[in-house]
Amino acid sequence: MRRRVQHVKRFAATCGGLAPWHVEQDDYQLWIQRQVSSSTVAALRDSLRAFYRWAVAAGRIADDPTVEPIRRGTIGKTGPGRALGVPELWRAPLAAWRRYLIGSGAAATTVQARLATMETFARAHASLPPFDVTQDDIHDYMAAHARWARETRRVQRASLRAFFTWAATTGRMDADPTEVMPKVKAGDPVARPATDDEYRAALRATNDPRWKLALRMGCELGMRRSEVAQVHASDLRREGAGWWLTVHGKGGKVRRIPVPDSLAALMHPDDGGYLFPSSEGRHMTPRHVGKQVGRLLPEGVTMHALRHSFATRAYSMNRDVFTLQRLLGHASASTTQRYVQISDERLREMVEAVAL
């Protein structure tokens, strides 16, 4: 801490009386470029970045002058034409990590989500070589986003841990800066199902059969937006007395779920391809599907809320959490419980039942 204060004072002494909140990016860049030793530059940069990250988080300044402009580049593609804005110093390392994730069998959605998180971190550390990141950089970054929701913090931590553990394991770093990163506890289970009225209103709000189908697959089959987006005509088969759908789930996991005849009848595209095709001949992105469905729902209600609706209705039928877990594709029944909303009527019914 004392070293960082000294570095900030050293910078202030060269600013000609300019208040720290009036420093601009050009002032910072010019000063950094005047330093001779690369080790000195790294130390000064880290101290000033820590100071201005704190200033932004505390509301003392709107923009961080130590964040460099992003140079756009492409580290690889997880979908057709996907160009990623990545600082130059981070392009090759993130490209190598992407190849590692794909080679290890990670699902395309997992690769995409991990990369998106690390790209955000990279943009916040554009001038910092990725393998020079320290524990302080990690902690400062998380502290600067103290308002993140708990689940967001869990996702950020998981991606940071994955990247830097890979870097240390493969010898790119001497030590993993995330090794002592504190765990983020899961949030309290709060189901947020869309109401029946919201669902029916959404169905009435569109005449496009694609989005009616997407709504139904979310609310009547409990499917994630990424699962809906990937459905191909060949995934639907009639077996025995009814239709079954092969669902390509989270993390590359595959499961089979039964489909009512009325819904299966709508899942046969004329070309025998994807139910939600893109202009490039592949399937639409999960984000696009979720966005289109979300436009039909009230503000604050997402496509994922339809999955919660399915879980709540299904559980109310027979309280069979393990069958519901299998239908939703959850690895743990405790996760399934987070999707179920228990009604006030059910709570009162149980209390009345045990009253003496």
Protein backbone atom coordinates (compact mmCIF):
# COMPACT_ATOMS: atom_id res chain seq x y z
CA MET A 1 0.00 0.00 0.00
CA ARG A 2 2.81 2.43 0.89
CA ARG A 3 4.52 1.72 -2.44
CA ARG A 4 1.34 2.48 -4.36
CA VAL A 5 0.83 5.76 -2.51
CA GLN A 6 4.39 6.77 -3.37
CA HIS A 7 3.77 6.00 -7.04
CA VAL A 8 0.59 8.10 -7.12
CA LYS A 9 2.43 10.99 -5.44
CA ARG A 10 5.19 10.67 -8.02
CA PHE A 11 2.65 10.96 -10.81
CA ALA A 12 0.90 13.90 -9.12
CA ALA A 13 4.20 15.79 -8.83
CA THR A 14 4.52 15.84 -12.62
CA CYS A 15 0.96 16.98 -13.33
CA GLY A 16 1.62 20.69 -12.77
CA GLY A 17 -1.08 21.13 -10.14
CA LEU A 18 -3.72 19.27 -12.16
CA ALA A 19 -6.31 17.73 -9.85
CA PRO A 20 -6.36 13.90 -10.01
CA TRP A 21 -10.03 13.97 -11.09
CA HIS A 22 -9.12 16.09 -14.14
CA VAL A 23 -6.40 13.79 -15.46
CA GLU A 24 -7.17 12.55 -18.96
CA GLN A 25 -6.03 9.50 -20.86
CA ASP A 26 -3.43 11.47 -22.85
CA ASP A 27 -1.86 12.80 -19.63
CA TYR A 28 -1.49 9.31 -18.25
CA GLN A 29 -0.20 7.77 -21.50
CA LEU A 30 2.40 10.50 -22.04
CA TRP A 31 3.74 10.09 -18.51
CA ILE A 32 3.92 6.29 -18.78
CA GLN A 33 5.78 6.52 -22.09
CA ARG A 34 8.44 8.71 -20.49
CA GLN A 35 9.42 5.98 -18.04
CA VAL A 36 12.55 4.03 -18.98
CA SER A 37 12.55 0.70 -17.15
CA SER A 38 9.88 -1.83 -18.13
CA SER A 39 9.68 -3.08 -14.54
CA THR A 40 9.18 0.49 -13.35
CA VAL A 41 6.46 1.03 -15.93
CA ALA A 42 4.63 -2.10 -14.76
CA ALA A 43 4.78 -1.06 -11.10
CA LEU A 44 3.69 2.53 -11.78
CA ARG A 45 0.92 1.41 -14.09
CA ASP A 46 -0.45 -1.04 -11.53
CA SER A 47 -0.46 1.59 -8.78
CA LEU A 48 -2.21 4.20 -10.90
CA ARG A 49 -4.72 1.68 -12.20
CA ALA A 50 -5.57 0.66 -8.65
CA PHE A 51 -5.98 4.32 -7.64
CA TYR A 52 -8.26 5.20 -10.55
CA ARG A 53 -10.29 2.01 -10.27
CA TRP A 54 -11.01 3.05 -6.71
CA ALA A 55 -11.85 6.59 -7.88
CA VAL A 56 -14.38 5.31 -10.41
CA ALA A 57 -15.96 2.91 -7.91
CA ALA A 58 -16.20 5.71 -5.31
CA GLY A 59 -17.79 8.11 -7.77
CA ARG A 60 -14.89 10.57 -7.71
CA ILE A 61 -14.40 10.34 -11.47
CA ALA A 62 -16.58 9.08 -14.32
CA ASP A 63 -13.95 7.59 -16.64
CA ASP A 64 -10.74 5.77 -15.79
CA PRO A 65 -7.86 7.53 -17.62
CA THR A 66 -5.62 4.47 -17.21
CA VAL A 67 -7.78 2.27 -19.45
CA GLU A 68 -6.37 2.24 -22.95
CA PRO A 69 -8.51 2.44 -26.10
CA ILE A 70 -9.47 -1.01 -27.33
CA ARG A 71 -7.83 -2.25 -30.48
CA ARG A 72 -10.25 -4.50 -32.27
CA GLY A 73 -9.08 -7.93 -33.28
CA THR A 74 -10.27 -11.46 -33.73
CA ILE A 75 -9.04 -14.26 -31.52
CA GLY A 76 -11.11 -16.91 -33.23
CA LYS A 77 -14.71 -17.60 -33.97
CA THR A 78 -17.31 -19.36 -31.88
CA GLY A 79 -19.92 -18.60 -34.50
CA PRO A 80 -20.12 -17.32 -38.07
CA GLY A 81 -18.54 -13.92 -38.50
CA ARG A 82 -18.03 -13.35 -34.80
CA ALA A 83 -15.40 -10.61 -34.40
CA LEU A 84 -14.17 -9.99 -30.88
CA GLY A 85 -12.89 -6.70 -29.53
CA VAL A 86 -9.75 -7.77 -27.68
CA PRO A 87 -6.72 -5.68 -26.65
CA GLU A 88 -3.64 -6.61 -28.67
CA LEU A 89 -1.69 -7.95 -25.68
CA TRP A 90 -4.48 -10.42 -24.92
CA ARG A 91 -5.24 -11.73 -28.42
CA ALA A 92 -2.75 -14.60 -28.64
CA PRO A 93 -3.21 -15.82 -25.03
CA LEU A 94 -7.00 -15.87 -25.35
CA ALA A 95 -6.75 -17.61 -28.71
CA ALA A 96 -4.53 -20.30 -27.16
CA TRP A 97 -6.93 -20.71 -24.25
CA ARG A 98 -9.86 -20.99 -26.66
CA ARG A 99 -8.09 -23.83 -28.49
CA TYR A 100 -7.46 -25.52 -25.14
CA LEU A 101 -11.14 -25.28 -24.16
CA ILE A 102 -12.28 -26.70 -27.49
CA GLY A 103 -9.66 -29.44 -27.34
CA SER A 104 -10.75 -30.42 -23.84
CA GLY A 105 -14.29 -31.01 -25.10
CA ALA A 106 -15.98 -27.93 -23.67
CA ALA A 107 -19.34 -27.13 -25.23
CA ALA A 108 -19.48 -24.27 -27.73
CA THR A 109 -21.75 -22.31 -25.39
CA THR A 110 -19.28 -22.78 -22.54
CA VAL A 111 -16.38 -21.61 -24.70
CA GLN A 112 -18.34 -18.58 -25.81
CA ALA A 113 -19.38 -17.64 -22.26
CA ARG A 114 -15.86 -18.07 -20.84
CA LEU A 115 -14.32 -15.99 -23.62
CA ALA A 116 -16.90 -13.23 -23.25
CA THR A 117 -16.07 -12.91 -19.55
CA MET A 118 -12.33 -12.85 -20.14
CA GLU A 119 -12.67 -10.32 -22.96
CA THR A 120 -14.36 -7.96 -20.52
CA PHE A 121 -11.52 -8.45 -18.05
CA ALA A 122 -8.98 -7.93 -20.84
CA ARG A 123 -10.57 -4.65 -21.88
CA ALA A 124 -10.29 -3.44 -18.30
CA HIS A 125 -6.57 -4.33 -18.34
CA ALA A 126 -5.70 -3.42 -21.92
CA SER A 127 -2.13 -2.30 -21.15
CA LEU A 128 -1.38 -5.17 -18.78
CA PRO A 129 0.13 -8.36 -20.26
CA PRO A 130 -2.16 -11.22 -19.18
CA PHE A 131 0.61 -13.26 -17.61
CA ASP A 132 1.69 -10.28 -15.48
CA VAL A 133 -1.69 -10.10 -13.73
CA THR A 134 -1.33 -10.25 -9.94
CA GLN A 135 -3.61 -11.12 -7.04
CA ASP A 136 -4.03 -7.40 -6.39
CA ASP A 137 -5.24 -6.86 -9.97
CA ILE A 138 -7.84 -9.59 -9.52
CA HIS A 139 -9.05 -8.31 -6.15
CA ASP A 140 -9.14 -4.69 -7.35
CA TYR A 141 -11.20 -5.71 -10.36
CA MET A 142 -13.77 -7.59 -8.28
CA ALA A 143 -13.88 -4.78 -5.72
CA ALA A 144 -14.51 -2.21 -8.46
CA HIS A 145 -17.66 -4.16 -9.36
CA ALA A 146 -19.06 -4.53 -5.87
CA ARG A 147 -22.59 -3.99 -7.18
CA TRP A 148 -22.54 -7.08 -9.34
CA ALA A 149 -25.26 -9.59 -8.51
CA ARG A 150 -24.03 -12.65 -6.66
CA GLU A 151 -24.56 -14.93 -9.65
CA THR A 152 -22.62 -12.54 -11.88
CA ARG A 153 -19.73 -12.64 -9.43
CA ARG A 154 -19.83 -16.43 -9.47
CA VAL A 155 -19.61 -16.47 -13.27
CA GLN A 156 -16.77 -13.95 -13.30
CA ARG A 157 -14.84 -15.90 -10.68
CA ALA A 158 -15.29 -19.19 -12.53
CA SER A 159 -13.93 -17.78 -15.80
CA LEU A 160 -11.01 -15.99 -14.15
CA ARG A 161 -10.11 -19.16 -12.26
CA ALA A 162 -10.32 -21.24 -15.43
CA PHE A 163 -8.09 -18.93 -17.48
CA PHE A 164 -5.38 -18.28 -14.92
CA THR A 165 -5.30 -21.89 -13.68
CA TRP A 166 -4.69 -22.92 -17.30
CA ALA A 167 -1.97 -20.27 -17.62
CA ALA A 168 -0.17 -21.49 -14.49
CA THR A 169 -0.61 -25.19 -15.27
CA THR A 170 0.84 -24.79 -18.76
CA GLY A 171 3.86 -22.85 -17.50
CA ARG A 172 2.83 -19.49 -18.89
CA MET A 173 2.76 -18.06 -15.36
CA ASP A 174 4.85 -18.88 -12.31
CA ALA A 175 1.82 -18.78 -10.03
CA ASP A 176 -1.95 -18.66 -10.34
CA PRO A 177 -3.17 -15.22 -9.13
CA THR A 178 -6.67 -16.59 -8.56
CA GLU A 179 -5.56 -19.41 -6.27
CA VAL A 180 -6.59 -17.51 -3.13
CA MET A 181 -9.61 -15.87 -4.75
CA PRO A 182 -12.48 -16.13 -2.25
CA LYS A 183 -15.43 -18.29 -3.17
CA VAL A 184 -18.78 -16.66 -3.91
CA LYS A 185 -21.65 -18.39 -2.18
CA ALA A 186 -24.71 -19.26 -4.20
CA GLY A 187 -27.61 -16.90 -3.70
CA ASP A 188 -30.74 -17.82 -1.83
CA PRO A 189 -33.17 -19.82 -3.97
CA VAL A 190 -35.63 -17.32 -5.45
CA ALA A 191 -37.79 -18.61 -8.28
CA ARG A 192 -39.09 -15.96 -10.67
CA PRO A 193 -41.64 -17.68 -12.90
CA ALA A 194 -43.62 -15.82 -15.53
CA THR A 195 -47.31 -15.79 -14.64
CA ASP A 196 -49.91 -17.58 -16.73
CA ASP A 197 -51.33 -14.22 -17.82
CA GLU A 198 -47.88 -12.99 -18.92
CA TYR A 199 -47.34 -16.16 -20.93
CA ARG A 200 -50.72 -16.01 -22.66
CA ALA A 201 -50.27 -12.31 -23.42
CA ALA A 202 -46.89 -13.07 -25.02
CA LEU A 203 -48.46 -15.73 -27.25
CA ARG A 204 -51.09 -13.22 -28.36
CA ALA A 205 -48.46 -10.54 -28.99
CA THR A 206 -46.95 -12.24 -32.06
CA ASN A 207 -48.20 -13.82 -35.24
CA ASP A 208 -44.78 -15.25 -36.06
CA PRO A 209 -44.98 -19.04 -35.64
CA ARG A 210 -41.26 -19.20 -34.77
CA TRP A 211 -41.61 -17.10 -31.65
CA LYS A 212 -44.84 -18.74 -30.61
CA LEU A 213 -42.96 -22.04 -30.80
CA ALA A 214 -40.00 -20.65 -28.84
CA LEU A 215 -42.38 -19.40 -26.13
CA ARG A 216 -44.03 -22.80 -25.88
CA MET A 217 -40.73 -24.69 -25.78
CA GLY A 218 -39.61 -22.49 -22.90
CA CYS A 219 -42.82 -22.63 -20.89
CA GLU A 220 -44.20 -26.08 -21.78
CA LEU A 221 -40.93 -28.02 -22.05
CA GLY A 222 -38.76 -26.00 -19.64
CA MET A 223 -35.96 -25.53 -22.17
CA ARG A 224 -33.15 -22.98 -21.94
CA ARG A 225 -32.79 -20.40 -24.72
CA SER A 226 -29.54 -22.06 -25.84
CA GLU A 227 -31.33 -25.41 -26.07
CA VAL A 228 -34.23 -23.96 -28.04
CA ALA A 229 -31.87 -22.25 -30.48
CA GLN A 230 -30.03 -25.50 -31.30
CA VAL A 231 -32.99 -27.79 -32.00
CA HIS A 232 -32.73 -29.57 -35.35
CA ALA A 233 -35.53 -31.50 -37.02
CA SER A 234 -33.50 -34.69 -36.57
CA ASP A 235 -33.58 -34.21 -32.79
CA LEU A 236 -37.31 -35.04 -32.71
CA ARG A 237 -38.21 -38.71 -33.02
CA ARG A 238 -41.30 -40.77 -32.44
CA GLU A 239 -40.57 -43.66 -30.12
CA GLY A 240 -43.24 -45.99 -28.84
CA ALA A 241 -46.37 -44.11 -27.90
CA GLY A 242 -45.08 -40.57 -28.32
CA TRP A 243 -42.51 -38.03 -29.42
CA TRP A 244 -39.12 -37.52 -27.78
CA LEU A 245 -36.74 -34.61 -28.23
CA THR A 246 -32.97 -34.86 -27.86
CA VAL A 247 -31.90 -31.67 -26.07
CA HIS A 248 -28.35 -30.35 -26.36
CA GLY A 249 -27.92 -28.87 -22.93
CA LYS A 250 -25.54 -26.81 -20.90
CA GLY A 251 -21.93 -27.96 -20.82
CA GLY A 252 -22.38 -30.33 -23.75
CA LYS A 253 -24.77 -32.58 -21.82
CA VAL A 254 -27.51 -34.32 -23.79
CA ARG A 255 -30.89 -35.42 -22.45
CA ARG A 256 -34.19 -36.70 -23.84
CA ILE A 257 -37.55 -35.19 -22.94
CA PRO A 258 -41.07 -36.19 -24.00
CA VAL A 259 -42.99 -33.79 -26.24
CA PRO A 260 -46.80 -33.56 -26.42
CA ASP A 261 -48.28 -34.33 -29.85
CA SER A 262 -49.73 -30.82 -30.17
CA LEU A 263 -46.29 -29.28 -29.78
CA ALA A 264 -44.42 -31.90 -31.81
CA ALA A 265 -46.69 -31.13 -34.77
CA LEU A 266 -45.15 -27.64 -34.91
CA MET A 267 -41.55 -28.86 -34.83
CA HIS A 268 -41.18 -30.14 -38.39
CA PRO A 269 -39.53 -27.43 -40.55
CA ASP A 270 -40.12 -27.75 -44.29
CA ASP A 271 -36.41 -28.02 -45.07
CA GLY A 272 -35.76 -30.60 -42.37
CA GLY A 273 -33.13 -28.37 -40.77
CA TYR A 274 -32.92 -26.17 -37.69
CA LEU A 275 -36.15 -24.92 -36.17
CA PHE A 276 -34.56 -21.49 -35.77
CA PRO A 277 -32.16 -21.14 -38.72
CA SER A 278 -29.82 -18.19 -39.17
CA SER A 279 -29.06 -16.45 -42.45
CA GLU A 280 -25.69 -18.28 -42.54
CA GLY A 281 -27.34 -21.69 -42.64
CA ARG A 282 -26.68 -22.49 -38.99
CA HIS A 283 -28.99 -22.02 -36.01
CA MET A 284 -29.72 -18.65 -34.44
CA THR A 285 -27.64 -17.61 -31.47
CA PRO A 286 -29.15 -18.19 -28.01
CA ARG A 287 -28.86 -14.46 -27.37
CA HIS A 288 -30.96 -13.62 -30.42
CA VAL A 289 -33.63 -16.16 -29.53
CA GLY A 290 -33.76 -14.89 -25.95
CA LYS A 291 -33.94 -11.28 -27.13
CA GLN A 292 -36.81 -11.93 -29.53
CA VAL A 293 -38.80 -13.86 -26.94
CA GLY A 294 -38.03 -11.25 -24.28
CA ARG A 295 -39.60 -8.54 -26.44
CA LEU A 296 -42.92 -10.38 -26.19
CA LEU A 297 -42.80 -10.56 -22.41
CA PRO A 298 -43.31 -7.70 -19.91
CA GLU A 299 -40.31 -5.64 -18.84
CA GLY A 300 -38.21 -7.53 -16.32
CA VAL A 301 -39.51 -10.94 -17.44
CA THR A 302 -37.04 -12.99 -19.48
CA MET A 303 -37.23 -16.21 -21.45
CA HIS A 304 -35.60 -17.96 -18.49
CA ALA A 305 -38.67 -17.05 -16.41
CA LEU A 306 -40.64 -19.41 -18.66
CA ARG A 307 -38.36 -22.23 -17.53
CA HIS A 308 -39.14 -21.31 -13.93
CA SER A 309 -42.85 -21.40 -14.81
CA PHE A 310 -42.50 -24.91 -16.17
CA ALA A 311 -40.62 -26.03 -13.06
CA THR A 312 -43.19 -24.52 -10.70
CA ARG A 313 -46.17 -26.05 -12.51
CA ALA A 314 -44.52 -29.45 -12.92
CA TYR A 315 -43.50 -29.63 -9.26
CA SER A 316 -46.99 -28.71 -8.09
CA MET A 317 -48.37 -31.82 -9.82
CA ASN A 318 -46.69 -34.49 -7.67
CA ARG A 319 -43.74 -32.87 -5.79
CA ASP A 320 -41.33 -35.21 -7.64
CA VAL A 321 -38.15 -33.13 -7.61
CA PHE A 322 -35.96 -35.88 -9.08
CA THR A 323 -38.08 -36.34 -12.21
CA LEU A 324 -38.19 -32.58 -12.59
CA GLN A 325 -34.40 -32.44 -12.20
CA ARG A 326 -34.06 -34.85 -15.11
CA LEU A 327 -36.47 -32.90 -17.31
CA LEU A 328 -34.63 -29.64 -16.66
CA GLY A 329 -31.19 -31.19 -17.13
CA HIS A 330 -29.82 -30.15 -13.76
CA ALA A 331 -26.79 -31.88 -12.26
CA SER A 332 -28.15 -31.40 -8.74
CA ALA A 333 -31.61 -31.48 -7.20
CA SER A 334 -30.63 -28.46 -5.11
CA THR A 335 -30.41 -26.45 -8.33
CA THR A 336 -33.86 -27.63 -9.34
CA GLN A 337 -35.28 -26.41 -6.03
CA ARG A 338 -34.18 -22.88 -6.91
CA TYR A 339 -36.53 -22.94 -9.90
CA VAL A 340 -39.67 -23.81 -7.97
CA GLN A 341 -41.88 -21.14 -6.44
CA ILE A 342 -43.96 -22.37 -3.51
CA SER A 343 -47.30 -20.58 -3.35
CA ASP A 344 -48.70 -18.95 -0.22
CA GLU A 345 -51.67 -21.29 -0.52
CA ARG A 346 -49.37 -24.32 -0.37
CA LEU A 347 -47.59 -22.95 2.71
CA ARG A 348 -50.92 -22.36 4.48
CA GLU A 349 -52.21 -25.77 3.43
CA MET A 350 -49.21 -27.47 5.03
CA VAL A 351 -49.43 -25.50 8.27
CA GLU A 352 -53.17 -26.15 8.55
CA ALA A 353 -52.57 -29.86 7.94
CA VAL A 354 -50.25 -30.25 10.94
CA ALA A 355 -52.18 -27.96 13.30
CA LEU A 356 -53.44 -29.71 16.45
